[in-house]
């Protein structure tokens, strides 16, 4: 929450500097975005209290997949090679960690 409170004056100044038009709709969209992001951040912090950090991190990066899917469907964005390369550098190690943890858990259950 402190992050958003400190960012608001800077964002307001930059919008004023650029001559952005101020409308109620713009402010409501910004408020809605801030509320959802803050809710997400709180839920992630609560998750870190419950499980290992590697599990939360893996779940957090699934948001990357949803962002691409929504961008593709709603905004007709096409992921480029740089995006796919960066995503692979994040997703492939997480999948490998998940497979390794799954094997480790199976060995604990069925020795």
Protein backbone atom coordinates (compact mmCIF):
# COMPACT_ATOMS: atom_id res chain seq x y z
CA UNK A 1 0.00 0.00 0.00
CA UNK A 2 2.88 2.33 0.78
CA UNK A 3 4.24 1.72 -2.70
CA UNK A 4 1.02 3.02 -4.28
CA UNK A 5 0.77 5.99 -1.96
CA UNK A 6 4.31 7.05 -2.81
CA UNK A 7 3.75 6.50 -6.51
CA UNK A 8 0.58 8.59 -6.77
CA UNK A 9 2.23 12.03 -6.59
CA UNK A 10 4.83 11.05 -9.20
CA UNK A 11 2.19 9.60 -11.53
CA UNK A 12 0.00 12.69 -11.07
CA UNK A 13 2.91 14.97 -11.87
CA UNK A 14 3.81 13.01 -15.00
CA UNK A 15 0.18 13.04 -16.19
CA UNK A 16 0.04 16.81 -15.63
CA UNK A 17 3.39 17.25 -17.44
CA UNK A 18 2.13 15.32 -20.46
CA UNK A 19 -1.13 17.26 -20.51
CA UNK A 20 -3.30 14.21 -19.91
CA UNK A 21 -7.03 14.79 -19.75
CA UNK A 22 -8.57 14.18 -16.34
CA UNK A 23 -11.92 12.41 -16.41
CA UNK A 24 -13.94 10.56 -13.81
CA UNK A 25 -13.73 7.39 -15.94
CA UNK A 26 -9.93 7.57 -15.93
CA UNK A 27 -9.84 7.96 -12.16
CA UNK A 28 -12.31 5.09 -11.64
CA UNK A 29 -10.24 2.84 -13.89
CA UNK A 30 -7.09 3.73 -11.96
CA UNK A 31 -8.85 3.12 -8.64
CA UNK A 32 -10.19 -0.25 -9.81
CA UNK A 33 -6.77 -1.28 -11.05
CA UNK A 34 -5.14 -0.27 -7.77
CA UNK A 35 -7.72 -2.17 -5.70
CA UNK A 36 -7.29 -5.37 -7.71
CA UNK A 37 -3.50 -5.16 -7.66
CA UNK A 38 -3.49 -4.49 -3.93
CA UNK A 39 -5.80 -7.47 -3.40
CA UNK A 40 -3.48 -9.63 -5.45
CA UNK A 41 -0.43 -8.48 -3.47
CA UNK A 42 -2.15 -9.18 -0.16
CA UNK A 43 -3.20 -12.67 -1.26
CA UNK A 44 0.37 -13.45 -2.37
CA UNK A 45 1.75 -12.28 0.97
CA UNK A 46 -0.75 -14.50 2.78
CA UNK A 47 0.25 -17.42 0.56
CA UNK A 48 3.91 -16.94 1.47
CA UNK A 49 2.93 -17.54 5.09
CA UNK A 50 1.26 -20.86 4.27
CA UNK A 51 3.59 -22.68 1.83
CA UNK A 52 7.16 -22.73 0.54
CA UNK A 53 8.26 -19.69 -1.41
CA UNK A 54 9.01 -21.80 -4.50
CA UNK A 55 5.37 -22.87 -4.70
CA UNK A 56 4.08 -19.31 -4.49
CA UNK A 57 6.60 -18.09 -7.04
CA UNK A 58 5.56 -20.81 -9.45
CA UNK A 59 1.93 -19.84 -9.07
CA UNK A 60 2.74 -16.16 -9.50
CA UNK A 61 4.38 -16.75 -12.85
CA UNK A 62 1.25 -18.44 -14.19
CA UNK A 63 -0.05 -14.88 -14.37
CA UNK A 64 2.33 -14.45 -17.29
CA UNK A 65 0.35 -17.04 -19.23
CA UNK A 66 -2.95 -15.30 -18.46
CA UNK A 67 -1.53 -11.91 -19.42
CA UNK A 68 -0.46 -13.26 -22.81
CA UNK A 69 -3.78 -15.01 -23.39
CA UNK A 70 -5.83 -11.94 -22.48
CA UNK A 71 -3.59 -9.65 -24.50
CA UNK A 72 -3.93 -11.95 -27.48
CA UNK A 73 -7.72 -12.34 -27.23
CA UNK A 74 -8.77 -8.87 -26.05
CA UNK A 75 -6.16 -6.62 -27.65
CA UNK A 76 -4.96 -8.68 -30.65
CA UNK A 77 -1.35 -8.51 -29.39
CA UNK A 78 1.13 -10.94 -30.84
CA UNK A 79 3.98 -12.13 -28.59
CA UNK A 80 7.35 -11.63 -30.29
CA UNK A 81 10.48 -13.77 -30.14
CA UNK A 82 12.00 -11.75 -27.27
CA UNK A 83 8.89 -12.24 -25.17
CA UNK A 84 8.75 -15.97 -25.90
CA UNK A 85 12.46 -16.35 -25.10
CA UNK A 86 12.11 -14.50 -21.79
CA UNK A 87 9.00 -16.46 -20.89
CA UNK A 88 10.77 -19.74 -21.63
CA UNK A 89 13.65 -18.66 -19.38
CA UNK A 90 11.16 -18.24 -16.55
CA UNK A 91 8.71 -21.07 -17.18
CA UNK A 92 11.05 -23.95 -18.08
CA UNK A 93 13.04 -23.86 -14.79
CA UNK A 94 9.79 -23.62 -12.82
CA UNK A 95 8.39 -26.66 -14.61
CA UNK A 96 11.62 -28.54 -13.93
CA UNK A 97 11.46 -27.61 -10.24
CA UNK A 98 7.85 -28.76 -10.09
CA UNK A 99 8.71 -32.11 -11.68
CA UNK A 100 11.64 -32.56 -9.29
CA UNK A 101 9.48 -31.78 -6.25
CA UNK A 102 6.79 -34.16 -7.51
CA UNK A 103 9.33 -36.98 -7.79
CA UNK A 104 10.69 -36.18 -4.32
CA UNK A 105 7.17 -36.26 -2.85
CA UNK A 106 6.38 -39.60 -4.54
CA UNK A 107 9.54 -41.11 -3.04
CA UNK A 108 8.49 -39.94 0.41
CA UNK A 109 5.03 -41.47 0.05
CA UNK A 110 6.11 -44.71 -1.69
CA UNK A 111 9.64 -45.61 -0.56
